[in-house]
């Protein structure tokens, strides 16, 4: 029997000949950015461990110091030291389970902060259940003091590291060097988005397009980054990775060969030590509306449909009323000063009322401080040929109709403060899409009209992302993204960013 088995093994080996399955090379570093990314993750890990260890040790320290707090702690110093050690291990394990120390979860977006909050809440729930099941009332000190203090400190430390990264990024520092690969129709938008929005998380070092030369795609890429190396795939992506010192490849959009081509690309990258990142073909959808579920090795993306009514919108209206009332009360002295400056600058009304398209295209009169001469509308026709605005928008950096005071008001967006009156009346929201003129609405195609599904806002993504410097297509994209993906937290972030833009104006004229 053993001779037969041996014979079968010999026949199998001889039939394979000398062919062997190629093994991927040992993962190696292809550039300095990968090393910077790993170093940054080590810093995060060390900082998290230090913060958690300190807050977990507080009860033991208080007990050892015989302070007034120690009188409230029934256990011994050794007991709290051991409990603190176990809490530290559990907390770090919780962070690891949420992938808090991985590239892709840090340095960009709100995901990093959400991970810290979710991890802390999960651990708090675990400690609470443990207290109920074991009756260890002495553990409440961790639930009441250590966990809230630790979570606050973790959020503060992550924010501080973000500021450090932002400062270092000015000298070219980034966590990952990325090569963007895909078809000419998809690569330009990926280059534009990642270059502008990823901050120090990703630095685009090259673009490789799969297909024939496309001058239009090249022009679009040059607008985003005039010095970016461009190329067309000739089957040598590995050499491009080596030449550009890339440690990640971002696939923008579908490849001509479909899923099989993507799988083969992953196999080819195994020998380069390069990460493969696939940009989803779903655009304009926030991550909170997307979840994945595997079915026999095939990941399915579940996309929550956008909603334009319900409890969230009731809360948004309540917030609008409270915020606009407080804003009008707080800004009343500012209104008085601005009104005096406008009156001193020349004849004319203090306020300028203009008809705009509101929710569902309903007309309303929008309040603004007057920033132009009295007959500004009559002069518009003669200035149309000088228009510098994008799409149907009329914008002119050196508009002769703008008054001396008006120029300053526009620069710092102070002319828009009276719009809080529109918010109080229900015509507008504090945060929302840009209020559109009916001349613009007439040029909208099908999807652009979705901007009108929400009330226009005093501020919004358009206002804090470059305003008049944006192309028309980008302005529409930002408004659509907000309309479909807004949250209370995103509104608060946009309000804060608005204050920053008012101090350091960008694209306001």
Protein backbone atom coordinates (compact mmCIF):
# COMPACT_ATOMS: atom_id res chain seq x y z
CA UNK A 1 0.00 0.00 0.00
CA UNK A 2 2.81 2.41 0.86
CA UNK A 3 4.53 1.60 -2.45
CA UNK A 4 1.36 2.53 -4.38
CA UNK A 5 1.05 5.87 -2.52
CA UNK A 6 4.72 6.61 -3.21
CA UNK A 7 4.23 5.82 -6.90
CA UNK A 8 1.22 8.15 -7.09
CA UNK A 9 3.21 11.00 -5.52
CA UNK A 10 6.05 10.47 -8.02
CA UNK A 11 3.60 10.54 -10.95
CA UNK A 12 2.01 13.74 -9.65
CA UNK A 13 5.37 15.50 -9.29
CA UNK A 14 6.56 14.35 -12.73
CA UNK A 15 3.35 15.59 -14.36
CA UNK A 16 3.93 19.07 -12.87
CA UNK A 17 7.42 19.20 -14.30
CA UNK A 18 9.53 22.09 -13.02
CA UNK A 19 6.63 24.61 -12.79
CA UNK A 20 6.15 26.11 -9.32
CA UNK A 21 3.65 28.62 -8.02
CA UNK A 22 5.32 32.06 -7.77
CA UNK A 23 5.42 33.30 -4.21
CA UNK A 24 4.99 36.97 -3.41
CA UNK A 25 8.14 38.71 -2.33
CA UNK A 26 8.60 39.58 1.31
CA UNK A 27 6.86 42.87 1.96
CA UNK A 28 9.36 45.69 1.79
CA UNK A 29 9.31 49.45 2.03
CA UNK A 30 9.26 51.21 -1.34
CA UNK A 31 9.62 54.77 -0.07
CA UNK A 32 10.07 57.01 2.93
CA UNK A 33 6.38 57.85 3.25
CA UNK A 34 5.49 54.32 4.34
CA UNK A 35 8.06 54.63 7.11
CA UNK A 36 6.54 57.95 8.14
CA UNK A 37 3.11 56.36 8.26
CA UNK A 38 4.32 53.53 10.49
CA UNK A 39 6.16 55.99 12.74
CA UNK A 40 3.00 58.09 13.08
CA UNK A 41 0.93 55.03 14.01
CA UNK A 42 3.52 54.12 16.65
CA UNK A 43 3.22 57.62 18.08
CA UNK A 44 -0.56 57.28 18.22
CA UNK A 45 -0.29 53.89 19.90
CA UNK A 46 2.18 55.19 22.47
CA UNK A 47 0.10 58.29 23.22
CA UNK A 48 -3.12 56.27 23.56
CA UNK A 49 -1.40 53.80 25.87
CA UNK A 50 0.04 56.58 28.03
CA UNK A 51 -3.30 58.40 28.33
CA UNK A 52 -5.25 55.26 29.16
CA UNK A 53 -2.65 54.02 31.65
CA UNK A 54 -2.65 57.37 33.47
CA UNK A 55 -6.43 57.68 33.81
CA UNK A 56 -6.72 54.00 34.77
CA UNK A 57 -4.12 54.50 37.50
CA UNK A 58 -5.90 57.51 39.06
CA UNK A 59 -7.89 55.50 41.66
CA UNK A 60 -4.76 53.61 42.77
CA UNK A 61 -2.79 56.88 42.98
CA UNK A 62 -5.55 58.52 45.01
CA UNK A 63 -5.67 55.56 47.37
CA UNK A 64 -1.91 55.51 47.79
CA UNK A 65 -1.80 59.26 48.55
CA UNK A 66 -4.42 58.92 51.32
CA UNK A 67 -6.30 61.85 49.85
CA UNK A 68 -9.90 62.78 50.55
CA UNK A 69 -10.92 60.75 47.53
CA UNK A 70 -9.35 57.63 49.02
CA UNK A 71 -11.94 57.72 51.82
CA UNK A 72 -14.62 57.08 49.23
CA UNK A 73 -12.75 54.07 47.80
CA UNK A 74 -13.48 50.85 49.71
CA UNK A 75 -10.72 48.77 48.08
CA UNK A 76 -6.97 48.65 48.64
CA UNK A 77 -4.27 50.29 46.51
CA UNK A 78 -3.29 46.89 45.06
CA UNK A 79 -6.91 46.20 44.14
CA UNK A 80 -7.23 49.45 42.19
CA UNK A 81 -3.81 48.99 40.60
CA UNK A 82 -4.83 45.57 39.29
CA UNK A 83 -8.24 46.86 38.14
CA UNK A 84 -6.51 49.77 36.41
CA UNK A 85 -4.14 47.42 34.62
CA UNK A 86 -7.02 45.26 33.40
CA UNK A 87 -8.91 48.36 32.28
CA UNK A 88 -5.86 49.53 30.30
CA UNK A 89 -5.57 46.16 28.56
CA UNK A 90 -9.31 46.08 27.82
CA UNK A 91 -9.31 49.64 26.48
CA UNK A 92 -6.32 49.10 24.19
CA UNK A 93 -7.91 45.87 22.97
CA UNK A 94 -11.13 47.73 22.25
CA UNK A 95 -9.22 50.35 20.23
CA UNK A 96 -7.49 47.59 18.28
CA UNK A 97 -10.82 45.91 17.52
CA UNK A 98 -12.04 49.20 16.03
CA UNK A 99 -8.79 49.50 14.00
CA UNK A 100 -7.83 52.74 15.70
CA UNK A 101 -4.15 52.33 14.81
CA UNK A 102 -4.36 51.62 11.09
CA UNK A 103 -3.81 53.82 8.08
CA UNK A 104 -7.18 54.57 6.55
CA UNK A 105 -8.71 55.13 9.98
CA UNK A 106 -6.57 58.11 10.98
CA UNK A 107 -5.67 61.62 9.87
CA UNK A 108 -8.64 62.23 7.57
CA UNK A 109 -12.37 62.78 8.15
CA UNK A 110 -14.31 62.18 11.35
CA UNK A 111 -13.88 58.41 11.38
CA UNK A 112 -10.91 58.61 13.74
CA UNK A 113 -12.87 60.51 16.38
CA UNK A 114 -15.90 58.25 15.99
CA UNK A 115 -13.70 55.23 16.64
CA UNK A 116 -12.48 56.73 19.91
CA UNK A 117 -16.05 57.49 21.02
CA UNK A 118 -17.43 54.08 20.01
CA UNK A 119 -14.57 52.30 21.75
CA UNK A 120 -15.05 54.31 24.95
CA UNK A 121 -18.82 53.78 24.97
CA UNK A 122 -18.45 50.05 24.39
CA UNK A 123 -15.98 49.77 27.26
CA UNK A 124 -18.22 51.86 29.53
CA UNK A 125 -21.10 49.52 28.79
CA UNK A 126 -18.91 46.51 29.55
CA UNK A 127 -17.77 47.97 32.89
CA UNK A 128 -21.37 48.86 33.78
CA UNK A 129 -22.56 45.31 33.11
CA UNK A 130 -19.61 43.93 35.08
CA UNK A 131 -20.57 46.07 38.09
CA UNK A 132 -24.16 44.81 37.96
CA UNK A 133 -23.19 41.14 37.56
CA UNK A 134 -20.41 41.05 40.16
CA UNK A 135 -21.68 43.63 42.63
CA UNK A 136 -18.25 45.32 42.66
CA UNK A 137 -19.43 48.83 43.50
CA UNK A 138 -15.82 49.93 43.90
CA UNK A 139 -15.46 49.81 40.09
CA UNK A 140 -17.82 52.76 39.72
CA UNK A 141 -14.86 55.09 40.20
CA UNK A 142 -13.55 53.95 36.81
CA UNK A 143 -16.95 54.44 35.20
CA UNK A 144 -17.48 57.91 36.67
CA UNK A 145 -13.96 59.37 36.45
CA UNK A 146 -11.43 57.31 34.48
CA UNK A 147 -13.48 56.56 31.38
CA UNK A 148 -14.87 60.09 30.76
CA UNK A 149 -11.48 61.69 31.48
CA UNK A 150 -9.73 59.14 29.31
CA UNK A 151 -12.10 59.59 26.37
CA UNK A 152 -11.75 63.38 26.53
CA UNK A 153 -7.96 63.10 26.69
CA UNK A 154 -7.87 60.63 23.78
CA UNK A 155 -9.94 62.93 21.59
CA UNK A 156 -7.73 65.88 22.53
CA UNK A 157 -4.54 63.95 21.80
CA UNK A 158 -5.79 62.79 18.39
CA UNK A 159 -6.76 66.36 17.54
CA UNK A 160 -3.33 67.57 18.62
CA UNK A 161 -1.61 64.99 16.43
CA UNK A 162 -3.81 66.14 13.52
CA UNK A 163 -2.53 69.70 14.02
CA UNK A 164 1.04 68.42 14.08
CA UNK A 165 0.42 66.52 10.85
CA UNK A 166 -1.11 69.59 9.23
CA UNK A 167 1.95 71.62 10.20
CA UNK A 168 4.35 68.97 8.87
CA UNK A 169 2.38 68.60 5.63
CA UNK A 170 3.49 72.10 4.61
CA UNK A 171 6.98 70.66 4.08
CA UNK A 172 5.71 67.66 2.10
CA UNK A 173 5.14 65.25 4.99
CA UNK A 174 2.41 62.64 4.43
CA UNK A 175 1.54 59.23 5.78
CA UNK A 176 1.33 57.49 2.43
CA UNK A 177 2.55 58.01 -1.15
CA UNK A 178 -0.19 56.98 -3.57
CA UNK A 179 -0.23 56.22 -7.28
CA UNK A 180 -3.69 56.68 -8.81
CA UNK A 181 -4.52 54.11 -11.46
CA UNK A 182 -7.60 53.80 -13.64
CA UNK A 183 -9.26 54.86 -16.87
CA UNK A 184 -8.84 58.42 -18.18
CA UNK A 185 -12.48 59.18 -17.39
CA UNK A 186 -12.00 58.40 -13.68
CA UNK A 187 -8.42 59.38 -12.81
CA UNK A 188 -8.75 63.22 -13.01
CA UNK A 189 -11.56 63.44 -10.45
CA UNK A 190 -9.70 61.06 -8.10
CA UNK A 191 -6.54 63.16 -8.37
CA UNK A 192 -8.51 66.31 -7.70
CA UNK A 193 -10.39 64.96 -4.69
CA UNK A 194 -7.48 63.20 -3.00
CA UNK A 195 -5.03 66.04 -3.58
CA UNK A 196 -7.41 68.62 -2.10
CA UNK A 197 -9.28 66.73 0.58
CA UNK A 198 -7.04 64.01 2.05
CA UNK A 199 -4.70 66.41 3.82
CA UNK A 200 -1.52 64.75 5.12
CA UNK A 201 -3.03 61.25 4.95
CA UNK A 202 -2.26 60.68 1.26
CA UNK A 203 0.10 62.41 -1.15
CA UNK A 204 -0.48 61.76 -4.83
CA UNK A 205 2.90 61.08 -6.45
CA UNK A 206 1.68 60.01 -9.88
CA UNK A 207 -1.23 59.09 -12.13
CA UNK A 208 -1.24 56.04 -14.38
CA UNK A 209 -4.08 55.73 -16.87
CA UNK A 210 -5.21 52.47 -18.41
CA UNK A 211 -6.01 53.21 -22.05
CA UNK A 212 -5.06 55.39 -24.99
CA UNK A 213 -3.69 58.91 -24.54
CA UNK A 214 -6.44 61.34 -23.54
CA UNK A 215 -5.49 65.05 -23.84
CA UNK A 216 -8.67 66.18 -22.07
CA UNK A 217 -7.96 63.97 -19.04
CA UNK A 218 -4.39 65.24 -18.96
CA UNK A 219 -5.60 68.86 -18.94
CA UNK A 220 -7.96 68.13 -16.04
CA UNK A 221 -5.15 66.54 -14.06
CA UNK A 222 -2.81 69.44 -14.80
CA UNK A 223 -5.39 71.85 -13.37
CA UNK A 224 -5.30 69.96 -10.08
CA UNK A 225 -1.51 69.42 -10.02
CA UNK A 226 0.62 70.91 -12.82
CA UNK A 227 3.76 68.94 -11.82
CA UNK A 228 2.20 65.51 -11.25
CA UNK A 229 3.94 62.73 -13.24
CA UNK A 230 1.52 61.18 -15.77
CA UNK A 231 1.73 57.95 -17.68
CA UNK A 232 -0.22 55.27 -19.51
CA UNK A 233 -0.19 51.65 -18.41
CA UNK A 234 1.95 49.46 -20.62
CA UNK A 235 1.94 46.51 -18.22
CA UNK A 236 4.72 48.00 -16.09
CA UNK A 237 2.85 49.31 -13.04
CA UNK A 238 5.44 47.69 -10.77
CA UNK A 239 8.21 49.79 -12.31
CA UNK A 240 6.13 52.96 -11.90
CA UNK A 241 5.59 52.15 -8.23
CA UNK A 242 9.32 51.70 -7.77
CA UNK A 243 10.20 54.85 -9.72
CA UNK A 244 7.72 57.07 -7.87
CA UNK A 245 8.36 55.50 -4.43
CA UNK A 246 4.66 54.79 -3.99
CA UNK A 247 3.50 52.57 -1.15
CA UNK A 248 -0.19 52.48 -2.16
CA UNK A 249 -2.13 52.21 -5.39
CA UNK A 250 -5.59 53.74 -5.52
CA UNK A 251 -7.77 52.25 -8.25
CA UNK A 252 -10.12 54.97 -9.48
CA UNK A 253 -13.28 53.49 -10.96
CA UNK A 254 -13.80 50.15 -12.74
CA UNK A 255 -11.03 48.59 -14.83
CA UNK A 256 -11.68 47.36 -18.41
CA UNK A 257 -11.25 43.74 -17.34
CA UNK A 258 -13.75 44.06 -14.51
CA UNK A 259 -13.34 42.25 -11.20
CA UNK A 260 -10.87 39.78 -12.67
CA UNK A 261 -8.53 42.61 -13.70
CA UNK A 262 -8.71 44.04 -10.18
CA UNK A 263 -7.91 40.64 -8.68
CA UNK A 264 -4.92 40.20 -10.99
CA UNK A 265 -3.69 43.69 -10.11
CA UNK A 266 -3.76 42.71 -6.45
CA UNK A 267 -1.67 39.62 -7.23
CA UNK A 268 0.85 41.73 -9.14
CA UNK A 269 1.18 44.16 -6.24
CA UNK A 270 1.91 41.40 -3.74
CA UNK A 271 5.56 41.37 -4.76
CA UNK A 272 5.99 45.12 -4.34
CA UNK A 273 4.85 45.54 -0.75
CA UNK A 274 2.24 48.02 -1.99
CA UNK A 275 -1.25 48.42 -0.54
CA UNK A 276 -4.21 48.25 -2.90
CA UNK A 277 -6.99 50.78 -2.27
CA UNK A 278 -10.14 50.70 -4.38
CA UNK A 279 -12.13 53.92 -4.75
CA UNK A 280 -15.84 53.13 -4.68
CA UNK A 281 -17.79 53.93 -7.82
CA UNK A 282 -20.56 55.26 -5.55
CA UNK A 283 -20.17 59.03 -5.50
CA UNK A 284 -21.83 61.69 -3.37
CA UNK A 285 -22.69 59.25 -0.55
CA UNK A 286 -21.35 59.72 2.99
CA UNK A 287 -19.74 56.71 4.67
CA UNK A 288 -22.46 56.63 7.35
CA UNK A 289 -24.98 55.69 4.63
CA UNK A 290 -22.92 52.73 3.43
CA UNK A 291 -22.33 49.37 5.09
CA UNK A 292 -20.87 46.15 3.76
CA UNK A 293 -21.89 42.53 4.14
CA UNK A 294 -20.07 39.55 2.60
CA UNK A 295 -21.86 36.84 0.62
CA UNK A 296 -19.57 33.92 -0.20
CA UNK A 297 -16.51 36.15 -0.56
CA UNK A 298 -18.35 38.88 -2.46
CA UNK A 299 -18.69 42.14 -0.47
CA UNK A 300 -22.09 43.76 -0.91
CA UNK A 301 -22.50 47.50 -0.39
CA UNK A 302 -25.78 48.51 1.22
CA UNK A 303 -26.56 52.18 0.51
CA UNK A 304 -29.16 53.94 2.63
CA UNK A 305 -31.41 56.11 0.49
CA UNK A 306 -31.34 59.86 1.10
CA UNK A 307 -34.28 61.20 3.14
CA UNK A 308 -35.67 64.72 3.08
CA UNK A 309 -38.13 64.66 5.95
CA UNK A 310 -38.63 63.18 9.40
CA UNK A 311 -37.45 63.88 12.93
CA UNK A 312 -34.00 65.11 11.82
CA UNK A 313 -35.59 67.90 9.82
CA UNK A 314 -37.82 68.89 12.72
CA UNK A 315 -34.69 69.14 14.90
CA UNK A 316 -32.95 71.13 12.17
CA UNK A 317 -35.78 73.66 12.12
CA UNK A 318 -35.75 73.93 15.92
CA UNK A 319 -32.00 74.54 15.81
CA UNK A 320 -32.46 77.17 13.10
CA UNK A 321 -34.97 79.12 15.22
CA UNK A 322 -32.83 79.08 18.38
CA UNK A 323 -29.56 79.83 16.57
CA UNK A 324 -30.97 82.67 14.44
CA UNK A 325 -32.62 84.31 17.46
CA UNK A 326 -29.38 84.21 19.46
CA UNK A 327 -27.38 85.39 16.43
CA UNK A 328 -29.68 88.36 15.80
CA UNK A 329 -29.55 89.38 19.46
CA UNK A 330 -25.77 89.03 19.68
CA UNK A 331 -25.14 90.76 16.35
CA UNK A 332 -27.50 93.71 16.84
CA UNK A 333 -24.62 96.09 17.77
CA UNK A 334 -22.70 94.89 14.70
CA UNK A 335 -25.77 95.53 12.55
CA UNK A 336 -25.94 99.08 13.84
CA UNK A 337 -22.26 99.77 13.06
CA UNK A 338 -22.56 98.28 9.55
CA UNK A 339 -25.72 100.30 8.87
CA UNK A 340 -23.90 103.53 9.84
CA UNK A 341 -20.94 102.62 7.59
CA UNK A 342 -23.23 101.93 4.62
CA UNK A 343 -25.11 105.20 5.16
CA UNK A 344 -21.82 107.10 5.41
CA UNK A 345 -20.49 105.44 2.23
CA UNK A 346 -23.17 106.93 0.00
CA UNK A 347 -26.89 107.29 -0.68
CA UNK A 348 -29.16 104.27 -0.84
CA UNK A 349 -30.98 101.76 1.32
CA UNK A 350 -29.27 99.84 4.13
CA UNK A 351 -30.67 96.48 3.08
CA UNK A 352 -30.83 94.90 -0.34
CA UNK A 353 -33.68 92.47 -1.06
CA UNK A 354 -33.28 89.99 -3.89
CA UNK A 355 -35.58 87.22 -5.05
CA UNK A 356 -34.08 83.76 -4.69
CA UNK A 357 -35.29 80.19 -5.17
CA UNK A 358 -36.10 78.49 -1.89
CA UNK A 359 -37.04 74.94 -1.01
CA UNK A 360 -38.79 73.19 -3.93
CA UNK A 361 -38.19 76.34 -6.01
CA UNK A 362 -40.52 78.58 -4.02
CA UNK A 363 -39.53 82.27 -4.37
CA UNK A 364 -38.58 84.38 -1.36
CA UNK A 365 -36.95 87.75 -0.73
CA UNK A 366 -33.44 87.34 0.69
CA UNK A 367 -32.03 90.05 2.98
CA UNK A 368 -28.48 91.32 2.58
CA UNK A 369 -26.61 94.44 3.54
CA UNK A 370 -26.31 96.62 0.44
CA UNK A 371 -22.77 96.46 -0.96
CA UNK A 372 -23.33 98.08 -4.37
CA UNK A 373 -24.37 101.44 -5.74
CA UNK A 374 -28.07 102.19 -6.10
CA UNK A 375 -28.40 101.39 -9.83
CA UNK A 376 -26.29 98.22 -9.74
CA UNK A 377 -28.93 96.06 -11.44
CA UNK A 378 -29.19 98.48 -14.36
CA UNK A 379 -25.43 98.25 -14.97
CA UNK A 380 -25.37 94.45 -15.01
CA UNK A 381 -26.06 94.09 -18.74
CA UNK A 382 -23.00 96.15 -19.66
CA UNK A 383 -20.73 94.01 -17.45
CA UNK A 384 -21.89 90.56 -18.60
CA UNK A 385 -19.03 90.23 -21.10
CA UNK A 386 -16.53 90.59 -18.22
CA UNK A 387 -18.13 87.79 -16.19
CA UNK A 388 -15.56 85.71 -14.23
CA UNK A 389 -18.11 83.49 -12.52
CA UNK A 390 -18.56 79.76 -13.09
CA UNK A 391 -21.55 78.52 -15.08
CA UNK A 392 -24.60 80.80 -14.83
CA UNK A 393 -23.15 82.73 -11.86
CA UNK A 394 -22.11 86.33 -12.47
CA UNK A 395 -18.98 87.25 -10.51
CA UNK A 396 -16.42 89.96 -11.09
CA UNK A 397 -13.43 90.36 -8.77
CA UNK A 398 -13.11 94.08 -9.44
CA UNK A 399 -16.79 94.89 -9.88
CA UNK A 400 -17.06 98.68 -10.33
CA UNK A 401 -20.55 98.64 -8.79
CA UNK A 402 -19.25 97.56 -5.36
CA UNK A 403 -18.88 100.39 -2.85
CA UNK A 404 -15.81 100.93 -0.70
CA UNK A 405 -17.60 99.65 2.41
CA UNK A 406 -19.28 96.90 0.38
CA UNK A 407 -15.95 95.46 -0.71
CA UNK A 408 -14.93 94.91 2.90
CA UNK A 409 -18.34 93.51 3.85
CA UNK A 410 -18.22 91.02 0.97
CA UNK A 411 -14.68 89.94 1.73
CA UNK A 412 -15.61 88.91 5.28
CA UNK A 413 -19.17 87.75 4.38
CA UNK A 414 -20.67 90.31 6.75
CA UNK A 415 -23.18 91.37 4.10
CA UNK A 416 -24.95 88.03 4.57
CA UNK A 417 -25.66 88.41 8.29
CA UNK A 418 -29.23 89.76 7.75
CA UNK A 419 -30.10 86.38 6.26
CA UNK A 420 -30.72 85.20 9.82
CA UNK A 421 -34.00 87.12 9.43
CA UNK A 422 -34.83 84.74 6.55
CA UNK A 423 -33.92 81.79 8.77
CA UNK A 424 -36.28 83.01 11.48
CA UNK A 425 -39.06 83.45 8.92
CA UNK A 426 -38.55 79.90 7.65
CA UNK A 427 -37.29 80.79 4.16
CA UNK A 428 -33.75 79.60 4.85
CA UNK A 429 -31.73 77.39 7.16
CA UNK A 430 -28.53 78.22 9.04
CA UNK A 431 -26.70 75.58 6.98
CA UNK A 432 -27.78 74.46 3.54
CA UNK A 433 -27.17 74.74 -0.22
CA UNK A 434 -26.31 78.15 -1.66
CA UNK A 435 -29.40 80.36 -2.29
CA UNK A 436 -29.87 80.30 -6.07
CA UNK A 437 -31.09 82.98 -8.42
CA UNK A 438 -33.98 81.99 -10.69
CA UNK A 439 -31.72 82.71 -13.67
CA UNK A 440 -29.52 79.87 -12.42
CA UNK A 441 -32.45 77.54 -11.74
CA UNK A 442 -33.56 77.85 -15.37
CA UNK A 443 -30.20 76.39 -16.47
CA UNK A 444 -30.33 73.40 -14.08
CA UNK A 445 -30.35 69.93 -15.57
CA UNK A 446 -32.16 67.04 -13.85
CA UNK A 447 -29.74 66.29 -11.02
CA UNK A 448 -28.84 69.92 -10.25
CA UNK A 449 -32.47 70.56 -9.29
CA UNK A 450 -31.93 68.30 -6.28
CA UNK A 451 -30.23 71.30 -4.66
CA UNK A 452 -33.74 72.67 -4.15
CA UNK A 453 -34.84 69.74 -2.00
CA UNK A 454 -33.55 71.59 1.08
CA UNK A 455 -33.91 75.14 2.28
CA UNK A 456 -30.94 77.25 1.19
CA UNK A 457 -28.46 78.11 3.91
CA UNK A 458 -26.75 81.18 5.28
CA UNK A 459 -23.62 79.03 5.08
CA UNK A 460 -22.80 75.64 3.62
CA UNK A 461 -20.18 73.54 1.88
CA UNK A 462 -19.95 75.97 -1.05
CA UNK A 463 -19.33 78.92 1.24
CA UNK A 464 -16.44 77.26 3.13
CA UNK A 465 -14.81 75.47 0.18
CA UNK A 466 -13.69 78.36 -2.01
CA UNK A 467 -16.95 80.10 -2.96
CA UNK A 468 -16.51 81.99 -6.23
CA UNK A 469 -13.19 80.28 -6.94
CA UNK A 470 -15.00 76.98 -7.51
CA UNK A 471 -16.02 75.68 -10.90
CA UNK A 472 -19.77 75.43 -11.51
CA UNK A 473 -19.69 71.64 -11.60
CA UNK A 474 -17.90 71.50 -8.25
CA UNK A 475 -20.37 73.96 -6.72
CA UNK A 476 -23.28 71.74 -7.76
CA UNK A 477 -21.51 68.64 -6.45
CA UNK A 478 -20.93 70.19 -3.03
CA UNK A 479 -24.55 71.30 -2.68
CA UNK A 480 -25.87 67.91 -3.75
CA UNK A 481 -23.55 66.14 -1.34
CA UNK A 482 -24.77 68.29 1.53
CA UNK A 483 -28.45 67.88 0.64
CA UNK A 484 -28.20 64.10 0.70
CA UNK A 485 -25.72 63.55 3.55
CA UNK A 486 -26.07 66.32 6.14
CA UNK A 487 -26.06 65.56 9.85
CA UNK A 488 -26.32 67.71 12.97
CA UNK A 489 -22.60 67.18 13.59
CA UNK A 490 -21.71 68.19 10.03
CA UNK A 491 -23.81 71.36 10.42
CA UNK A 492 -21.90 72.30 13.57
CA UNK A 493 -18.59 71.68 11.79
CA UNK A 494 -19.64 73.88 8.87
CA UNK A 495 -20.67 76.69 11.24
CA UNK A 496 -17.24 76.53 12.87
CA UNK A 497 -15.50 76.51 9.48
CA UNK A 498 -17.60 79.53 8.48
CA UNK A 499 -16.13 81.54 11.36
CA UNK A 500 -12.65 80.56 10.17
CA UNK A 501 -13.41 81.56 6.56
CA UNK A 502 -14.81 84.90 7.69
CA UNK A 503 -11.50 85.66 9.42
CA UNK A 504 -9.40 84.34 6.51
CA UNK A 505 -11.56 84.83 3.41
CA UNK A 506 -11.23 82.52 0.41
CA UNK A 507 -13.06 83.27 -2.84
CA UNK A 508 -15.32 85.97 -1.38
CA UNK A 509 -15.71 89.00 -3.67
